Amino acid sequence: MARREHYLIDGYNVINAWPELKRLRGDLAAARDALLHMLLEYGAFEKYEMTIVFDAMFTEDEEHIEQMGRHTRIIYTGAGETADSRIERLAYEEAHRGRTVYVVTSDGAVESVVLGAGACRIPSLEFRKNVLRVKRELRRDYLGSVRLPDARYVVSDRLDRETAAKLDALRKRRED
């Protein structure tokens, strides 16, 4: 079985670049959750391995890694480590193992390092186009022409007269 392409994603860089996520910056947990939801769907559909890295540079927290399914992991860097430095190191390690590595960021400094390491860079907004394209394909292929009904379904429309009368009598008794 061929190895999956590996995407290293600068989480906060993407959040600050995508309009739908930028609006959630006041609640970073919600922005991260929205991003992760989109990326899990995208990675599963495209069969990519993905590592999303979030910066914890200015905290005293230790590094935290979460595995989300078999092919996606989330890294919250530890105190003193930037997402950029972690991504650069991972890109170098993976590329030197012969893996196809894509780094998703719009940070020019990271770009030069990862290109030198043998990885490819995808700007955050270009990556967004790919994610939205997959979302449209999923909707088209799996939802097809699903349409919500124009009218509301009312239970009483589906009951025979006798059952409707009994239910009405029960309702009236409860009101008394």
Protein backbone atom coordinates (compact mmCIF):
# COMPACT_ATOMS: atom_id res chain seq x y z
CA MET A 1 0.00 0.00 0.00
CA ALA A 2 1.36 3.42 -0.97
CA ARG A 3 2.08 5.87 1.80
CA ARG A 4 -0.29 8.76 2.09
CA GLU A 5 0.90 12.26 1.32
CA HIS A 6 1.55 14.15 4.55
CA TYR A 7 0.12 17.61 5.15
CA LEU A 8 1.64 19.74 7.92
CA ILE A 9 -0.78 22.55 8.69
CA ASP A 10 -0.03 25.72 10.64
CA GLY A 11 -3.34 25.87 12.50
CA TYR A 12 -3.39 29.49 13.64
CA ASN A 13 -2.01 30.71 10.32
CA VAL A 14 -4.98 29.05 8.58
CA ILE A 15 -7.46 30.40 11.16
CA ASN A 16 -6.14 33.92 10.56
CA ALA A 17 -6.33 33.51 6.77
CA TRP A 18 -9.74 31.90 6.19
CA PRO A 19 -12.66 34.36 6.40
CA GLU A 20 -15.08 31.89 8.02
CA LEU A 21 -12.52 31.10 10.73
CA LYS A 22 -11.23 34.64 11.15
CA ARG A 23 -14.70 35.62 12.41
CA LEU A 24 -14.28 33.09 15.26
CA ARG A 25 -10.94 34.44 16.52
CA GLY A 26 -12.65 35.80 19.64
CA ASP A 27 -13.25 32.17 20.63
CA LEU A 28 -10.12 30.28 19.59
CA ALA A 29 -11.51 26.96 20.80
CA ALA A 30 -14.48 27.35 18.43
CA ALA A 31 -12.16 28.39 15.58
CA ARG A 32 -9.92 25.35 16.19
CA ASP A 33 -12.95 23.03 16.33
CA ALA A 34 -14.35 24.42 13.07
CA LEU A 35 -10.96 24.04 11.37
CA LEU A 36 -10.50 20.50 12.65
CA HIS A 37 -13.96 19.48 11.48
CA MET A 38 -13.21 20.71 7.95
CA LEU A 39 -9.76 19.14 7.88
CA LEU A 40 -10.88 15.74 9.15
CA GLU A 41 -13.47 15.57 6.38
CA TYR A 42 -10.98 16.80 3.76
CA GLY A 43 -8.19 14.45 4.83
CA ALA A 44 -10.47 11.42 4.91
CA PHE A 45 -11.88 12.17 1.46
CA GLU A 46 -8.49 12.84 -0.15
CA LYS A 47 -6.74 10.06 1.81
CA TYR A 48 -4.06 12.35 3.24
CA GLU A 49 -2.20 12.05 6.49
CA MET A 50 -2.46 15.34 8.32
CA THR A 51 -0.72 16.97 11.25
CA ILE A 52 -2.22 20.23 12.46
CA VAL A 53 0.12 22.26 14.66
CA PHE A 54 -1.08 24.93 17.07
CA ASP A 55 1.31 27.32 18.72
CA ALA A 56 1.66 27.43 22.50
CA MET A 57 4.71 29.68 22.50
CA PHE A 58 3.54 32.04 25.24
CA THR A 59 2.12 29.51 27.66
CA GLU A 60 3.73 27.42 30.36
CA ASP A 61 1.90 24.31 29.14
CA GLU A 62 3.69 21.17 28.07
CA GLU A 63 3.37 19.78 24.58
CA HIS A 64 0.11 17.97 23.97
CA ILE A 65 -0.62 15.60 21.06
CA GLU A 66 -4.06 14.27 20.15
CA GLN A 67 -4.67 11.51 17.63
CA MET A 68 -7.91 12.04 15.69
CA GLY A 69 -8.52 8.80 13.85
CA ARG A 70 -5.76 6.87 12.12
CA HIS A 71 -4.46 9.60 9.84
CA THR A 72 -4.82 12.91 11.67
CA ARG A 73 -3.02 14.24 14.69
CA ILE A 74 -3.04 17.58 16.41
CA ILE A 75 0.04 18.98 18.08
CA TYR A 76 -0.14 21.79 20.63
CA THR A 77 3.48 22.86 20.98
CA GLY A 78 5.02 23.15 24.41
CA ALA A 79 6.24 26.23 26.21
CA GLY A 80 8.92 28.02 24.22
CA GLU A 81 8.30 26.21 20.92
CA THR A 82 6.57 27.86 17.99
CA ALA A 83 4.35 26.08 15.52
CA ASP A 84 6.75 27.28 12.81
CA SER A 85 9.77 25.57 14.35
CA ARG A 86 7.85 22.33 14.92
CA ILE A 87 6.53 22.34 11.34
CA GLU A 88 10.00 23.05 9.95
CA ARG A 89 11.49 20.14 11.93
CA LEU A 90 8.68 17.73 10.95
CA ALA A 91 8.96 18.75 7.28
CA TYR A 92 12.69 18.11 7.30
CA GLU A 93 12.31 14.71 9.03
CA GLU A 94 9.50 13.51 6.76
CA ALA A 95 11.07 14.72 3.51
CA HIS A 96 14.36 13.02 4.39
CA ARG A 97 12.48 9.76 4.92
CA GLY A 98 11.29 10.06 1.32
CA ARG A 99 7.74 11.15 2.10
CA THR A 100 5.80 13.63 0.04
CA VAL A 101 5.23 16.53 2.43
CA TYR A 102 3.10 19.63 1.97
CA VAL A 103 3.25 22.50 4.43
CA VAL A 104 0.15 24.67 4.62
CA THR A 105 1.09 28.18 5.71
CA SER A 106 1.30 31.70 4.38
CA ASP A 107 4.39 32.49 6.43
CA GLY A 108 7.21 33.44 4.06
CA ALA A 109 9.99 32.57 6.52
CA VAL A 110 8.63 29.05 6.99
CA GLU A 111 8.29 28.71 3.22
CA SER A 112 11.99 29.14 2.56
CA VAL A 113 12.96 26.64 5.27
CA VAL A 114 10.50 23.91 4.18
CA LEU A 115 11.36 24.32 0.51
CA GLY A 116 15.03 23.90 1.44
CA ALA A 117 14.11 20.75 3.38
CA GLY A 118 12.47 19.21 0.32
CA ALA A 119 8.84 19.82 1.22
CA CYS A 120 6.25 21.75 -0.78
CA ARG A 121 4.30 24.75 0.45
CA ILE A 122 0.63 25.49 -0.10
CA PRO A 123 -0.53 28.99 0.85
CA SER A 124 -3.40 28.96 3.36
CA LEU A 125 -5.92 30.57 0.99
CA GLU A 126 -5.04 28.18 -1.84
CA PHE A 127 -5.52 25.27 0.56
CA ARG A 128 -8.94 26.72 1.49
CA LYS A 129 -9.97 26.46 -2.18
CA ASN A 130 -9.06 22.76 -2.16
CA VAL A 131 -11.02 22.14 1.05
CA LEU A 132 -14.09 23.97 -0.29
CA ARG A 133 -13.88 22.05 -3.57
CA VAL A 134 -13.95 18.74 -1.68
CA LYS A 135 -16.86 19.96 0.42
CA ARG A 136 -18.82 20.74 -2.78
CA GLU A 137 -17.93 17.32 -4.23
CA LEU A 138 -19.07 15.55 -1.07
CA ARG A 139 -22.32 17.47 -1.06
CA ARG A 140 -22.94 16.71 -4.74
CA ASP A 141 -21.90 13.04 -4.63
CA TYR A 142 -23.44 12.03 -1.32
CA LEU A 143 -26.38 14.35 -0.85
CA GLY A 144 -27.33 14.60 -4.50
CA SER A 145 -30.57 16.44 -4.95
CA VAL A 146 -31.81 16.08 -1.40
CA ARG A 147 -34.42 18.72 -0.81
CA LEU A 148 -36.26 19.62 2.33
CA PRO A 149 -40.04 19.52 2.05
CA ASP A 150 -41.80 22.77 1.28
CA ALA A 151 -44.52 22.15 3.81
CA ARG A 152 -44.45 21.27 7.48
CA TYR A 153 -45.53 17.81 8.53
CA VAL A 154 -48.22 17.88 11.17
CA VAL A 155 -49.06 14.73 13.13
CA SER A 156 -52.78 15.43 13.01
CA ASP A 157 -52.65 15.29 9.20
CA ARG A 158 -51.66 11.63 9.44
CA LEU A 159 -54.18 10.46 12.04
CA ASP A 160 -57.59 8.95 11.43
CA ARG A 161 -60.58 10.79 13.00
CA GLU A 162 -61.03 8.36 15.89
CA THR A 163 -57.37 8.57 17.01
CA ALA A 164 -57.36 12.37 16.61
CA ALA A 165 -60.50 12.62 18.78
CA LYS A 166 -58.94 10.44 21.52
CA LEU A 167 -55.77 12.54 21.56
CA ASP A 168 -57.82 15.73 21.67
CA ALA A 169 -59.83 14.38 24.63
CA LEU A 170 -56.57 13.52 26.46
CA ARG A 171 -55.21 17.00 25.80
CA LYS A 172 -58.37 18.63 27.14
CA ARG A 173 -58.28 16.48 30.30
CA ARG A 174 -54.70 17.62 31.00
CA GLU A 175 -55.69 21.25 30.56
CA ASP A 176 -58.41 20.94 33.23
